[in-house]
Amino acid sequence: MDVSRLDVDHARGLVSRERVIKSSKYLKLRDKKLSLGAEILLKHSLTKIGICDPIISVGKYGKPCLSNYPHIYFNLSHSQDYVACAVSDSPVGVDVERIHDIDGEVAKHYFSGSEYEYIVHNIP
């Protein structure tokens, strides 16, 4: 989900009170949008599988969970202006990262000769 054009004031009405409080502590607008967008995307994803009343709490080891749906797992990630969400009936993870151009000198230093050649000739 691209949160770059997310209206923070409108988004606050779509998330939990806890998320509003958490997002208000961020200084940067982008961070507020990522925080709000993460819960909006999670709730949207959950409605797709029939869960319209999620209670998000903190489980063992500080990981967020759905206390009223303990058999449903989710994971969130964000980078730059994007938020990603995965939902499953088994433990799940997701990661999103901004793609950077490859620095050939760094690649040459860290990869073997054949790996470096593959990178140079196959990755745009």
PDB file of N, CA and C in Angstrom:
ATOM      1  N   MET A   1       0.851  -1.168   0.000  1.00  0.00           N
ATOM      2  CA  MET A   1       0.000   0.000   0.000  1.00  0.00           C
ATOM      3  C   MET A   1       0.899   1.234   0.000  1.00  0.00           C
ATOM      4  N   ASP A   2       0.628   2.133  -0.914  1.00  0.00           N
ATOM      5  CA  ASP A   2       1.348   3.400  -0.997  1.00  0.00           C
ATOM      6  C   ASP A   2       0.658   4.390  -0.055  1.00  0.00           C
ATOM      7  N   VAL A   3       1.362   4.874   0.948  1.00  0.00           N
ATOM      8  CA  VAL A   3       0.771   5.795   1.922  1.00  0.00           C
ATOM      9  C   VAL A   3       1.151   7.248   1.665  1.00  0.00           C
ATOM     10  N   SER A   4       1.835   7.511   0.561  1.00  0.00           N
ATOM     11  CA  SER A   4       2.331   8.866   0.316  1.00  0.00           C
ATOM     12  C   SER A   4       1.218   9.910   0.263  1.00  0.00           C
ATOM     13  N   ARG A   5       0.041   9.523  -0.206  1.00  0.00           N
ATOM     14  CA  ARG A   5      -1.067  10.485  -0.295  1.00  0.00           C
ATOM     15  C   ARG A   5      -2.142  10.255   0.767  1.00  0.00           C
ATOM     16  N   LEU A   6      -1.810   9.465   1.786  1.00  0.00           N
ATOM     17  CA  LEU A   6      -2.760   9.179   2.852  1.00  0.00           C
ATOM     18  C   LEU A   6      -3.098  10.459   3.615  1.00  0.00           C
ATOM     19  N   ASP A   7      -4.372  10.715   3.800  1.00  0.00           N
ATOM     20  CA  ASP A   7      -4.840  11.869   4.577  1.00  0.00           C
ATOM     21  C   ASP A   7      -4.819  11.458   6.049  1.00  0.00           C
ATOM     22  N   VAL A   8      -3.879  11.990   6.801  1.00  0.00           N
ATOM     23  CA  VAL A   8      -3.680  11.587   8.197  1.00  0.00           C
ATOM     24  C   VAL A   8      -4.936  11.838   9.030  1.00  0.00           C
ATOM     25  N   ASP A   9      -5.572  12.969   8.856  1.00  0.00           N
ATOM     26  CA  ASP A   9      -6.765  13.278   9.644  1.00  0.00           C
ATOM     27  C   ASP A   9      -7.875  12.269   9.369  1.00  0.00           C
ATOM     28  N   HIS A  10      -8.093  11.935   8.115  1.00  0.00           N
ATOM     29  CA  HIS A  10      -9.106  10.935   7.758  1.00  0.00           C
ATOM     30  C   HIS A  10      -8.706   9.556   8.274  1.00  0.00           C
ATOM     31  N   ALA A  11      -7.434   9.215   8.126  1.00  0.00           N
ATOM     32  CA  ALA A  11      -6.946   7.894   8.532  1.00  0.00           C
ATOM     33  C   ALA A  11      -7.125   7.653  10.029  1.00  0.00           C
ATOM     34  N   ARG A  12      -7.000   8.686  10.820  1.00  0.00           N
ATOM     35  CA  ARG A  12      -7.153   8.530  12.277  1.00  0.00           C
ATOM     36  C   ARG A  12      -8.532   7.986  12.636  1.00  0.00           C
ATOM     37  N   GLY A  13      -9.526   8.283  11.819  1.00  0.00           N
ATOM     38  CA  GLY A  13     -10.881   7.789  12.066  1.00  0.00           C
ATOM     39  C   GLY A  13     -11.074   6.332  11.663  1.00  0.00           C
ATOM     40  N   LEU A  14     -10.089   5.736  11.030  1.00  0.00           N
ATOM     41  CA  LEU A  14     -10.198   4.361  10.551  1.00  0.00           C
ATOM     42  C   LEU A  14      -9.420   3.350  11.395  1.00  0.00           C
ATOM     43  N   VAL A  15      -8.695   3.838  12.384  1.00  0.00           N
ATOM     44  CA  VAL A  15      -7.827   2.961  13.173  1.00  0.00           C
ATOM     45  C   VAL A  15      -8.191   3.013  14.660  1.00  0.00           C
ATOM     46  N   SER A  16      -7.574   2.134  15.414  1.00  0.00           N
ATOM     47  CA  SER A  16      -7.826   2.061  16.852  1.00  0.00           C
ATOM     48  C   SER A  16      -7.289   3.293  17.583  1.00  0.00           C
ATOM     49  N   ARG A  17      -7.820   3.510  18.750  1.00  0.00           N
ATOM     50  CA  ARG A  17      -7.360   4.616  19.592  1.00  0.00           C
ATOM     51  C   ARG A  17      -5.871   4.464  19.893  1.00  0.00           C
ATOM     52  N   GLU A  18      -5.452   3.230  20.141  1.00  0.00           N
ATOM     53  CA  GLU A  18      -4.043   2.964  20.435  1.00  0.00           C
ATOM     54  C   GLU A  18      -3.145   3.364  19.272  1.00  0.00           C
ATOM     55  N   ARG A  19      -3.607   3.091  18.053  1.00  0.00           N
ATOM     56  CA  ARG A  19      -2.808   3.438  16.866  1.00  0.00           C
ATOM     57  C   ARG A  19      -2.756   4.942  16.683  1.00  0.00           C
ATOM     58  N   VAL A  20      -3.838   5.629  16.962  1.00  0.00           N
ATOM     59  CA  VAL A  20      -3.850   7.094  16.875  1.00  0.00           C
ATOM     60  C   VAL A  20      -2.816   7.665  17.836  1.00  0.00           C
ATOM     61  N   ILE A  21      -2.806   7.149  19.065  1.00  0.00           N
ATOM     62  CA  ILE A  21      -1.847   7.629  20.072  1.00  0.00           C
ATOM     63  C   ILE A  21      -0.419   7.328  19.624  1.00  0.00           C
ATOM     64  N   LYS A  22      -0.194   6.091  19.175  1.00  0.00           N
ATOM     65  CA  LYS A  22       1.154   5.707  18.744  1.00  0.00           C
ATOM     66  C   LYS A  22       1.626   6.577  17.580  1.00  0.00           C
ATOM     67  N   SER A  23       0.773   6.774  16.590  1.00  0.00           N
ATOM     68  CA  SER A  23       1.171   7.545  15.406  1.00  0.00           C
ATOM     69  C   SER A  23       1.411   9.010  15.731  1.00  0.00           C
ATOM     70  N   SER A  24       0.721   9.526  16.728  1.00  0.00           N
ATOM     71  CA  SER A  24       0.889  10.946  17.080  1.00  0.00           C
ATOM     72  C   SER A  24       2.249  11.222  17.709  1.00  0.00           C
ATOM     73  N   LYS A  25       2.930  10.187  18.172  1.00  0.00           N
ATOM     74  CA  LYS A  25       4.251  10.362  18.788  1.00  0.00           C
ATOM     75  C   LYS A  25       5.367  10.528  17.760  1.00  0.00           C
ATOM     76  N   TYR A  26       5.075  10.180  16.509  1.00  0.00           N
ATOM     77  CA  TYR A  26       6.087  10.337  15.460  1.00  0.00           C
ATOM     78  C   TYR A  26       6.198  11.797  15.061  1.00  0.00           C
ATOM     79  N   LEU A  27       7.409  12.252  14.827  1.00  0.00           N
ATOM     80  CA  LEU A  27       7.630  13.638  14.436  1.00  0.00           C
ATOM     81  C   LEU A  27       7.438  13.844  12.934  1.00  0.00           C
ATOM     82  N   LYS A  28       7.876  12.882  12.143  1.00  0.00           N
ATOM     83  CA  LYS A  28       7.804  13.010  10.688  1.00  0.00           C
ATOM     84  C   LYS A  28       6.452  12.557  10.159  1.00  0.00           C
ATOM     85  N   LEU A  29       5.909  13.319   9.222  1.00  0.00           N
ATOM     86  CA  LEU A  29       4.623  12.997   8.621  1.00  0.00           C
ATOM     87  C   LEU A  29       4.650  11.620   7.965  1.00  0.00           C
ATOM     88  N   ARG A  30       5.744  11.279   7.303  1.00  0.00           N
ATOM     89  CA  ARG A  30       5.843   9.976   6.649  1.00  0.00           C
ATOM     90  C   ARG A  30       5.674   8.847   7.661  1.00  0.00           C
ATOM     91  N   ASP A  31       6.287   8.981   8.835  1.00  0.00           N
ATOM     92  CA  ASP A  31       6.187   7.953   9.863  1.00  0.00           C
ATOM     93  C   ASP A  31       4.760   7.831  10.399  1.00  0.00           C
ATOM     94  N   LYS A  32       4.071   8.946  10.535  1.00  0.00           N
ATOM     95  CA  LYS A  32       2.666   8.927  10.953  1.00  0.00           C
ATOM     96  C   LYS A  32       1.840   8.160   9.918  1.00  0.00           C
ATOM     97  N   LYS A  33       2.076   8.456   8.633  1.00  0.00           N
ATOM     98  CA  LYS A  33       1.337   7.789   7.561  1.00  0.00           C
ATOM     99  C   LYS A  33       1.624   6.292   7.534  1.00  0.00           C
ATOM    100  N   LEU A  34       2.878   5.910   7.733  1.00  0.00           N
ATOM    101  CA  LEU A  34       3.230   4.484   7.745  1.00  0.00           C
ATOM    102  C   LEU A  34       2.540   3.764   8.896  1.00  0.00           C
ATOM    103  N   SER A  35       2.517   4.372  10.062  1.00  0.00           N
ATOM    104  CA  SER A  35       1.885   3.761  11.226  1.00  0.00           C
ATOM    105  C   SER A  35       0.387   3.589  11.014  1.00  0.00           C
ATOM    106  N   LEU A  36      -0.262   4.640  10.576  1.00  0.00           N
ATOM    107  CA  LEU A  36      -1.705   4.577  10.328  1.00  0.00           C
ATOM    108  C   LEU A  36      -2.022   3.630   9.173  1.00  0.00           C
ATOM    109  N   GLY A  37      -1.236   3.728   8.108  1.00  0.00           N
ATOM    110  CA  GLY A  37      -1.460   2.875   6.940  1.00  0.00           C
ATOM    111  C   GLY A  37      -1.305   1.407   7.255  1.00  0.00           C
ATOM    112  N   ALA A  38      -0.390   1.060   8.158  1.00  0.00           N
ATOM    113  CA  ALA A  38      -0.187  -0.343   8.525  1.00  0.00           C
ATOM    114  C   ALA A  38      -1.456  -0.936   9.118  1.00  0.00           C
ATOM    115  N   GLU A  39      -2.086  -0.216  10.031  1.00  0.00           N
ATOM    116  CA  GLU A  39      -3.315  -0.758  10.629  1.00  0.00           C
ATOM    117  C   GLU A  39      -4.463  -0.753   9.635  1.00  0.00           C
ATOM    118  N   ILE A  40      -4.545   0.258   8.795  1.00  0.00           N
ATOM    119  CA  ILE A  40      -5.601   0.281   7.777  1.00  0.00           C
ATOM    120  C   ILE A  40      -5.460  -0.915   6.850  1.00  0.00           C
ATOM    121  N   LEU A  41      -4.241  -1.187   6.388  1.00  0.00           N
ATOM    122  CA  LEU A  41      -4.004  -2.324   5.501  1.00  0.00           C
ATOM    123  C   LEU A  41      -4.294  -3.638   6.207  1.00  0.00           C
ATOM    124  N   LEU A  42      -3.895  -3.782   7.456  1.00  0.00           N
ATOM    125  CA  LEU A  42      -4.177  -4.995   8.207  1.00  0.00           C
ATOM    126  C   LEU A  42      -5.683  -5.217   8.323  1.00  0.00           C
ATOM    127  N   LYS A  43      -6.409  -4.189   8.716  1.00  0.00           N
ATOM    128  CA  LYS A  43      -7.868  -4.336   8.858  1.00  0.00           C
ATOM    129  C   LYS A  43      -8.517  -4.677   7.523  1.00  0.00           C
ATOM    130  N   HIS A  44      -8.057  -4.058   6.454  1.00  0.00           N
ATOM    131  CA  HIS A  44      -8.588  -4.370   5.119  1.00  0.00           C
ATOM    132  C   HIS A  44      -8.325  -5.832   4.775  1.00  0.00           C
ATOM    133  N   SER A  45      -7.108  -6.288   5.028  1.00  0.00           N
ATOM    134  CA  SER A  45      -6.742  -7.674   4.735  1.00  0.00           C
ATOM    135  C   SER A  45      -7.578  -8.649   5.553  1.00  0.00           C
ATOM    136  N   LEU A  46      -7.820  -8.312   6.797  1.00  0.00           N
ATOM    137  CA  LEU A  46      -8.615  -9.191   7.652  1.00  0.00           C
ATOM    138  C   LEU A  46     -10.069  -9.270   7.201  1.00  0.00           C
ATOM    139  N   THR A  47     -10.618  -8.159   6.721  1.00  0.00           N
ATOM    140  CA  THR A  47     -12.008  -8.215   6.242  1.00  0.00           C
ATOM    141  C   THR A  47     -12.137  -9.146   5.045  1.00  0.00           C
ATOM    142  N   LYS A  48     -11.074  -9.287   4.271  1.00  0.00           N
ATOM    143  CA  LYS A  48     -11.092 -10.183   3.105  1.00  0.00           C
ATOM    144  C   LYS A  48     -11.269 -11.646   3.511  1.00  0.00           C
ATOM    145  N   ILE A  49     -10.920 -11.982   4.769  1.00  0.00           N
ATOM    146  CA  ILE A  49     -11.106 -13.357   5.249  1.00  0.00           C
ATOM    147  C   ILE A  49     -12.209 -13.418   6.308  1.00  0.00           C
ATOM    148  N   GLY A  50     -13.050 -12.395   6.334  1.00  0.00           N
ATOM    149  CA  GLY A  50     -14.228 -12.411   7.203  1.00  0.00           C
ATOM    150  C   GLY A  50     -14.014 -11.947   8.628  1.00  0.00           C
ATOM    151  N   ILE A  51     -12.890 -11.332   8.922  1.00  0.00           N
ATOM    152  CA  ILE A  51     -12.636 -10.833  10.281  1.00  0.00           C
ATOM    153  C   ILE A  51     -12.863  -9.329  10.282  1.00  0.00           C
ATOM    154  N   CYS A  52     -13.979  -8.928  10.927  1.00  0.00           N
ATOM    155  CA  CYS A  52     -14.343  -7.511  10.937  1.00  0.00           C
ATOM    156  C   CYS A  52     -14.235  -6.882  12.317  1.00  0.00           C
ATOM    157  N   ASP A  53     -13.847  -7.679  13.314  1.00  0.00           N
ATOM    158  CA  ASP A  53     -13.786  -7.184  14.684  1.00  0.00           C
ATOM    159  C   ASP A  53     -12.458  -7.529  15.361  1.00  0.00           C
ATOM    160  N   PRO A  54     -11.333  -7.257  14.707  1.00  0.00           N
ATOM    161  CA  PRO A  54     -10.057  -7.667  15.294  1.00  0.00           C
ATOM    162  C   PRO A  54      -9.723  -6.879  16.560  1.00  0.00           C
ATOM    163  N   ILE A  55      -9.185  -7.593  17.531  1.00  0.00           N
ATOM    164  CA  ILE A  55      -8.662  -6.950  18.726  1.00  0.00           C
ATOM    165  C   ILE A  55      -7.158  -7.187  18.691  1.00  0.00           C
ATOM    166  N   ILE A  56      -6.425  -6.124  18.388  1.00  0.00           N
ATOM    167  CA  ILE A  56      -4.972  -6.222  18.267  1.00  0.00           C
ATOM    168  C   ILE A  56      -4.357  -6.001  19.640  1.00  0.00           C
ATOM    169  N   SER A  57      -3.572  -6.971  20.050  1.00  0.00           N
ATOM    170  CA  SER A  57      -2.890  -6.853  21.339  1.00  0.00           C
ATOM    171  C   SER A  57      -1.441  -7.279  21.160  1.00  0.00           C
ATOM    172  N   VAL A  58      -0.704  -7.202  22.239  1.00  0.00           N
ATOM    173  CA  VAL A  58       0.701  -7.591  22.199  1.00  0.00           C
ATOM    174  C   VAL A  58       0.825  -8.955  22.855  1.00  0.00           C
ATOM    175  N   GLY A  59       1.344  -9.900  22.099  1.00  0.00           N
ATOM    176  CA  GLY A  59       1.491 -11.253  22.601  1.00  0.00           C
ATOM    177  C   GLY A  59       2.843 -11.488  23.234  1.00  0.00           C
ATOM    178  N   LYS A  60       3.139 -12.745  23.373  1.00  0.00           N
ATOM    179  CA  LYS A  60       4.412 -13.182  23.935  1.00  0.00           C
ATOM    180  C   LYS A  60       5.548 -12.593  23.106  1.00  0.00           C
ATOM    181  N   TYR A  61       6.588 -12.160  23.759  1.00  0.00           N
ATOM    182  CA  TYR A  61       7.781 -11.587  23.122  1.00  0.00           C
ATOM    183  C   TYR A  61       7.507 -10.238  22.453  1.00  0.00           C
ATOM    184  N   GLY A  62       6.380  -9.587  22.760  1.00  0.00           N
ATOM    185  CA  GLY A  62       6.092  -8.259  22.244  1.00  0.00           C
ATOM    186  C   GLY A  62       5.571  -8.202  20.817  1.00  0.00           C
ATOM    187  N   LYS A  63       5.260  -9.350  20.243  1.00  0.00           N
ATOM    188  CA  LYS A  63       4.768  -9.392  18.863  1.00  0.00           C
ATOM    189  C   LYS A  63       3.261  -9.138  18.841  1.00  0.00           C
ATOM    190  N   PRO A  64       2.801  -8.234  17.966  1.00  0.00           N
ATOM    191  CA  PRO A  64       1.362  -7.992  17.877  1.00  0.00           C
ATOM    192  C   PRO A  64       0.617  -9.252  17.433  1.00  0.00           C
ATOM    193  N   CYS A  65      -0.600  -9.408  17.965  1.00  0.00           N
ATOM    194  CA  CYS A  65      -1.418 -10.564  17.596  1.00  0.00           C
ATOM    195  C   CYS A  65      -2.885 -10.179  17.685  1.00  0.00           C
ATOM    196  N   LEU A  66      -3.733 -11.073  17.226  1.00  0.00           N
ATOM    197  CA  LEU A  66      -5.174 -10.877  17.320  1.00  0.00           C
ATOM    198  C   LEU A  66      -5.662 -11.699  18.506  1.00  0.00           C
ATOM    199  N   SER A  67      -5.989 -11.041  19.594  1.00  0.00           N
ATOM    200  CA  SER A  67      -6.367 -11.777  20.796  1.00  0.00           C
ATOM    201  C   SER A  67      -7.690 -12.523  20.622  1.00  0.00           C
ATOM    202  N   ASN A  68      -8.573 -12.046  19.769  1.00  0.00           N
ATOM    203  CA  ASN A  68      -9.840 -12.737  19.568  1.00  0.00           C
ATOM    204  C   ASN A  68      -9.798 -13.724  18.394  1.00  0.00           C
ATOM    205  N   TYR A  69      -8.668 -13.846  17.726  1.00  0.00           N
ATOM    206  CA  TYR A  69      -8.466 -14.837  16.660  1.00  0.00           C
ATOM    207  C   TYR A  69      -7.046 -15.389  16.802  1.00  0.00           C
ATOM    208  N   PRO A  70      -6.801 -16.183  17.849  1.00  0.00           N
ATOM    209  CA  PRO A  70      -5.436 -16.640  18.110  1.00  0.00           C
ATOM    210  C   PRO A  70      -4.861 -17.559  17.036  1.00  0.00           C
ATOM    211  N   HIS A  71      -5.703 -18.083  16.165  1.00  0.00           N
ATOM    212  CA  HIS A  71      -5.241 -18.974  15.089  1.00  0.00           C
ATOM    213  C   HIS A  71      -4.909 -18.215  13.800  1.00  0.00           C
ATOM    214  N   ILE A  72      -5.049 -16.906  13.819  1.00  0.00           N
ATOM    215  CA  ILE A  72      -4.721 -16.073  12.659  1.00  0.00           C
ATOM    216  C   ILE A  72      -3.461 -15.279  12.978  1.00  0.00           C
ATOM    217  N   TYR A  73      -2.517 -15.321  12.059  1.00  0.00           N
ATOM    218  CA  TYR A  73      -1.232 -14.649  12.239  1.00  0.00           C
ATOM    219  C   TYR A  73      -1.084 -13.548  11.198  1.00  0.00           C
ATOM    220  N   PHE A  74      -0.351 -12.518  11.552  1.00  0.00           N
ATOM    221  CA  PHE A  74      -0.096 -11.454  10.589  1.00  0.00           C
ATOM    222  C   PHE A  74       1.282 -10.866  10.827  1.00  0.00           C
ATOM    223  N   ASN A  75       1.770 -10.181   9.806  1.00  0.00           N
ATOM    224  CA  ASN A  75       3.048  -9.503   9.907  1.00  0.00           C
ATOM    225  C   ASN A  75       2.974  -8.269   9.021  1.00  0.00           C
ATOM    226  N   LEU A  76       3.592  -7.192   9.474  1.00  0.00           N
ATOM    227  CA  LEU A  76       3.603  -5.925   8.744  1.00  0.00           C
ATOM    228  C   LEU A  76       5.038  -5.470   8.519  1.00  0.00           C
ATOM    229  N   SER A  77       5.247  -4.763   7.426  1.00  0.00           N
ATOM    230  CA  SER A  77       6.554  -4.197   7.128  1.00  0.00           C
ATOM    231  C   SER A  77       6.329  -2.877   6.398  1.00  0.00           C
ATOM    232  N   HIS A  78       7.286  -1.975   6.518  1.00  0.00           N
ATOM    233  CA  HIS A  78       7.178  -0.717   5.781  1.00  0.00           C
ATOM    234  C   HIS A  78       8.556  -0.228   5.383  1.00  0.00           C
ATOM    235  N   SER A  79       8.573   0.525   4.293  1.00  0.00           N
ATOM    236  CA  SER A  79       9.805   1.126   3.802  1.00  0.00           C
ATOM    237  C   SER A  79       9.434   2.291   2.905  1.00  0.00           C
ATOM    238  N   GLN A  80      10.099   3.417   3.121  1.00  0.00           N
ATOM    239  CA  GLN A  80       9.816   4.630   2.347  1.00  0.00           C
ATOM    240  C   GLN A  80       8.334   4.967   2.479  1.00  0.00           C
ATOM    241  N   ASP A  81       7.566   4.880   1.375  1.00  0.00           N
ATOM    242  CA  ASP A  81       6.140   5.220   1.399  1.00  0.00           C
ATOM    243  C   ASP A  81       5.236   4.002   1.298  1.00  0.00           C
ATOM    244  N   TYR A  82       5.771   2.814   1.535  1.00  0.00           N
ATOM    245  CA  TYR A  82       4.990   1.599   1.327  1.00  0.00           C
ATOM    246  C   TYR A  82       4.868   0.756   2.591  1.00  0.00           C
ATOM    247  N   VAL A  83       3.688   0.153   2.731  1.00  0.00           N
ATOM    248  CA  VAL A  83       3.406  -0.775   3.811  1.00  0.00           C
ATOM    249  C   VAL A  83       3.000  -2.095   3.173  1.00  0.00           C
ATOM    250  N   ALA A  84       3.486  -3.208   3.726  1.00  0.00           N
ATOM    251  CA  ALA A  84       3.110  -4.544   3.261  1.00  0.00           C
ATOM    252  C   ALA A  84       2.507  -5.307   4.437  1.00  0.00           C
ATOM    253  N   CYS A  85       1.581  -6.207   4.123  1.00  0.00           N
ATOM    254  CA  CYS A  85       0.902  -6.986   5.148  1.00  0.00           C
ATOM    255  C   CYS A  85       0.741  -8.416   4.666  1.00  0.00           C
ATOM    256  N   ALA A  86       0.966  -9.365   5.546  1.00  0.00           N
ATOM    257  CA  ALA A  86       0.708 -10.774   5.264  1.00  0.00           C
ATOM    258  C   ALA A  86      -0.183 -11.306   6.377  1.00  0.00           C
ATOM    259  N   VAL A  87      -1.187 -12.116   6.009  1.00  0.00           N
ATOM    260  CA  VAL A  87      -2.109 -12.724   6.964  1.00  0.00           C
ATOM    261  C   VAL A  87      -2.200 -14.198   6.616  1.00  0.00           C
ATOM    262  N   SER A  88      -2.161 -15.049   7.648  1.00  0.00           N
ATOM    263  CA  SER A  88      -2.174 -16.491   7.395  1.00  0.00           C
ATOM    264  C   SER A  88      -2.728 -17.245   8.597  1.00  0.00           C
ATOM    265  N   ASP A  89      -3.017 -18.532   8.380  1.00  0.00           N
ATOM    266  CA  ASP A  89      -3.431 -19.388   9.486  1.00  0.00           C
ATOM    267  C   ASP A  89      -2.227 -20.099  10.109  1.00  0.00           C
ATOM    268  N   SER A  90      -1.032 -19.707   9.696  1.00  0.00           N
ATOM    269  CA  SER A  90       0.206 -20.190  10.311  1.00  0.00           C
ATOM    270  C   SER A  90       1.159 -19.003  10.426  1.00  0.00           C
ATOM    271  N   PRO A  91       2.162 -19.095  11.294  1.00  0.00           N
ATOM    272  CA  PRO A  91       3.089 -17.962  11.444  1.00  0.00           C
ATOM    273  C   PRO A  91       3.628 -17.507  10.085  1.00  0.00           C
ATOM    274  N   VAL A  92       3.679 -16.207   9.898  1.00  0.00           N
ATOM    275  CA  VAL A  92       4.011 -15.637   8.593  1.00  0.00           C
ATOM    276  C   VAL A  92       4.891 -14.400   8.774  1.00  0.00           C
ATOM    277  N   GLY A  93       5.677 -14.112   7.764  1.00  0.00           N
ATOM    278  CA  GLY A  93       6.496 -12.914   7.784  1.00  0.00           C
ATOM    279  C   GLY A  93       6.476 -12.246   6.429  1.00  0.00           C
ATOM    280  N   VAL A  94       6.713 -10.952   6.420  1.00  0.00           N
ATOM    281  CA  VAL A  94       6.765 -10.185   5.183  1.00  0.00           C
ATOM    282  C   VAL A  94       7.798  -9.084   5.365  1.00  0.00           C
ATOM    283  N   ASP A  95       8.448  -8.722   4.271  1.00  0.00           N
ATOM    284  CA  ASP A  95       9.417  -7.643   4.328  1.00  0.00           C
ATOM    285  C   ASP A  95       9.330  -6.851   3.032  1.00  0.00           C
ATOM    286  N   VAL A  96       9.393  -5.570   3.139  1.00  0.00           N
ATOM    287  CA  VAL A  96       9.404  -4.697   1.971  1.00  0.00           C
ATOM    288  C   VAL A  96      10.577  -3.743   2.142  1.00  0.00           C
ATOM    289  N   GLU A  97      11.317  -3.556   1.080  1.00  0.00           N
ATOM    290  CA  GLU A  97      12.477  -2.667   1.113  1.00  0.00           C
ATOM    291  C   GLU A  97      12.526  -1.850  -0.165  1.00  0.00           C
ATOM    292  N   ARG A  98      13.040  -0.656  -0.060  1.00  0.00           N
ATOM    293  CA  ARG A  98      13.264   0.184  -1.223  1.00  0.00           C
ATOM    294  C   ARG A  98      14.424  -0.406  -2.017  1.00  0.00           C
ATOM    295  N   ILE A  99      14.254  -0.487  -3.313  1.00  0.00           N
ATOM    296  CA  ILE A  99      15.302  -1.030  -4.171  1.00  0.00           C
ATOM    297  C   ILE A  99      16.263   0.090  -4.544  1.00  0.00           C
ATOM    298  N   HIS A 100      17.534  -0.165  -4.330  1.00  0.00           N
ATOM    299  CA  HIS A 100      18.584   0.798  -4.657  1.00  0.00           C
ATOM    300  C   HIS A 100      19.372   0.278  -5.846  1.00  0.00           C
ATOM    301  N   ASP A 101      19.951   1.179  -6.590  1.00  0.00           N
ATOM    302  CA  ASP A 101      20.854   0.759  -7.650  1.00  0.00           C
ATOM    303  C   ASP A 101      22.042   0.035  -7.030  1.00  0.00           C
ATOM    304  N   ILE A 102      22.555  -0.916  -7.769  1.00  0.00           N
ATOM    305  CA  ILE A 102      23.687  -1.692  -7.275  1.00  0.00           C
ATOM    306  C   ILE A 102      24.982  -0.918  -7.495  1.00  0.00           C
ATOM    307  N   ASP A 103      25.788  -0.865  -6.452  1.00  0.00           N
ATOM    308  CA  ASP A 103      27.114  -0.274  -6.541  1.00  0.00           C
ATOM    309  C   ASP A 103      28.070  -1.409  -6.897  1.00  0.00           C
ATOM    310  N   GLY A 104      28.571  -1.390  -8.120  1.00  0.00           N
ATOM    311  CA  GLY A 104      29.423  -2.462  -8.614  1.00  0.00           C
ATOM    312  C   GLY A 104      30.643  -2.715  -7.765  1.00  0.00           C
ATOM    313  N   GLU A 105      31.226  -1.682  -7.219  1.00  0.00           N
ATOM    314  CA  GLU A 105      32.423  -1.864  -6.397  1.00  0.00           C
ATOM    315  C   GLU A 105      32.102  -2.584  -5.093  1.00  0.00           C
ATOM    316  N   VAL A 106      30.953  -2.258  -4.514  1.00  0.00           N
ATOM    317  CA  VAL A 106      30.541  -2.942  -3.286  1.00  0.00           C
ATOM    318  C   VAL A 106      30.244  -4.405  -3.603  1.00  0.00           C
ATOM    319  N   ALA A 107      29.523  -4.653  -4.707  1.00  0.00           N
ATOM    320  CA  ALA A 107      29.209  -6.029  -5.105  1.00  0.00           C
ATOM    321  C   ALA A 107      30.486  -6.825  -5.356  1.00  0.00           C
ATOM    322  N   LYS A 108      31.449  -6.212  -6.014  1.00  0.00           N
ATOM    323  CA  LYS A 108      32.712  -6.899  -6.319  1.00  0.00           C
ATOM    324  C   LYS A 108      33.430  -7.312  -5.031  1.00  0.00           C
ATOM    325  N   HIS A 109      33.328  -6.475  -4.013  1.00  0.00           N
ATOM    326  CA  HIS A 109      33.998  -6.741  -2.742  1.00  0.00           C
ATOM    327  C   HIS A 109      33.343  -7.886  -1.965  1.00  0.00           C
ATOM    328  N   TYR A 110      31.991  -7.970  -2.003  1.00  0.00           N
ATOM    329  CA  TYR A 110      31.281  -8.908  -1.139  1.00  0.00           C
ATOM    330  C   TYR A 110      30.873 -10.226  -1.802  1.00  0.00           C
ATOM    331  N   PHE A 111      30.878 -10.294  -3.119  1.00  0.00           N
ATOM    332  CA  PHE A 111      30.446 -11.507  -3.796  1.00  0.00           C
ATOM    333  C   PHE A 111      31.618 -12.208  -4.464  1.00  0.00           C
ATOM    334  N   SER A 112      31.462 -13.523  -4.639  1.00  0.00           N
ATOM    335  CA  SER A 112      32.500 -14.291  -5.333  1.00  0.00           C
ATOM    336  C   SER A 112      32.517 -13.875  -6.800  1.00  0.00           C
ATOM    337  N   GLY A 113      33.531 -14.303  -7.525  1.00  0.00           N
ATOM    338  CA  GLY A 113      33.650 -13.950  -8.943  1.00  0.00           C
ATOM    339  C   GLY A 113      32.431 -14.325  -9.746  1.00  0.00           C
ATOM    340  N   SER A 114      31.943 -15.562  -9.592  1.00  0.00           N
ATOM    341  CA  SER A 114      30.779 -16.002 -10.371  1.00  0.00           C
ATOM    342  C   SER A 114      29.511 -15.271  -9.940  1.00  0.00           C
ATOM    343  N   GLU A 115      29.363 -14.993  -8.632  1.00  0.00           N
ATOM    344  CA  GLU A 115      28.199 -14.249  -8.157  1.00  0.00           C
ATOM    345  C   GLU A 115      28.224 -12.825  -8.702  1.00  0.00           C
ATOM    346  N   TYR A 116      29.384 -12.219  -8.674  1.00  0.00           N
ATOM    347  CA  TYR A 116      29.524 -10.858  -9.188  1.00  0.00           C
ATOM    348  C   TYR A 116      29.183 -10.810 -10.679  1.00  0.00           C
ATOM    349  N   GLU A 117      29.690 -11.760 -11.440  1.00  0.00           N
ATOM    350  CA  GLU A 117      29.395 -11.817 -12.878  1.00  0.00           C
ATOM    351  C   GLU A 117      27.898 -11.974 -13.119  1.00  0.00           C
ATOM    352  N   TYR A 118      27.247 -12.800 -12.323  1.00  0.00           N
ATOM    353  CA  TYR A 118      25.800 -12.993 -12.465  1.00  0.00           C
ATOM    354  C   TYR A 118      25.076 -11.665 -12.216  1.00  0.00           C
ATOM    355  N   ILE A 119      25.459 -10.966 -11.167  1.00  0.00           N
ATOM    356  CA  ILE A 119      24.829  -9.692 -10.822  1.00  0.00           C
ATOM    357  C   ILE A 119      25.009  -8.688 -11.946  1.00  0.00           C
ATOM    358  N   VAL A 120      26.221  -8.553 -12.420  1.00  0.00           N
ATOM    359  CA  VAL A 120      26.532  -7.567 -13.455  1.00  0.00           C
ATOM    360  C   VAL A 120      25.757  -7.847 -14.748  1.00  0.00           C
ATOM    361  N   HIS A 121      25.586  -9.097 -15.094  1.00  0.00           N
ATOM    362  CA  HIS A 121      24.977  -9.445 -16.383  1.00  0.00           C
ATOM    363  C   HIS A 121      23.472  -9.749 -16.322  1.00  0.00           C
ATOM    364  N   ASN A 122      22.903  -9.880 -15.119  1.00  0.00           N
ATOM    365  CA  ASN A 122      21.501 -10.293 -15.039  1.00  0.00           C
ATOM    366  C   ASN A 122      20.589  -9.371 -14.253  1.00  0.00           C
ATOM    367  N   ILE A 123      21.159  -8.459 -13.519  1.00  0.00           N
ATOM    368  CA  ILE A 123      20.323  -7.581 -12.707  1.00  0.00           C
ATOM    369  C   ILE A 123      20.432  -6.157 -13.253  1.00  0.00           C
ATOM    370  N   PRO A 124      19.275  -5.612 -13.663  1.00  0.00           N
ATOM    371  CA  PRO A 124      19.297  -4.262 -14.267  1.00  0.00           C
ATOM    372  C   PRO A 124      19.708  -3.183 -13.293  1.00  0.00           C
TER     373      PRO A 124
END
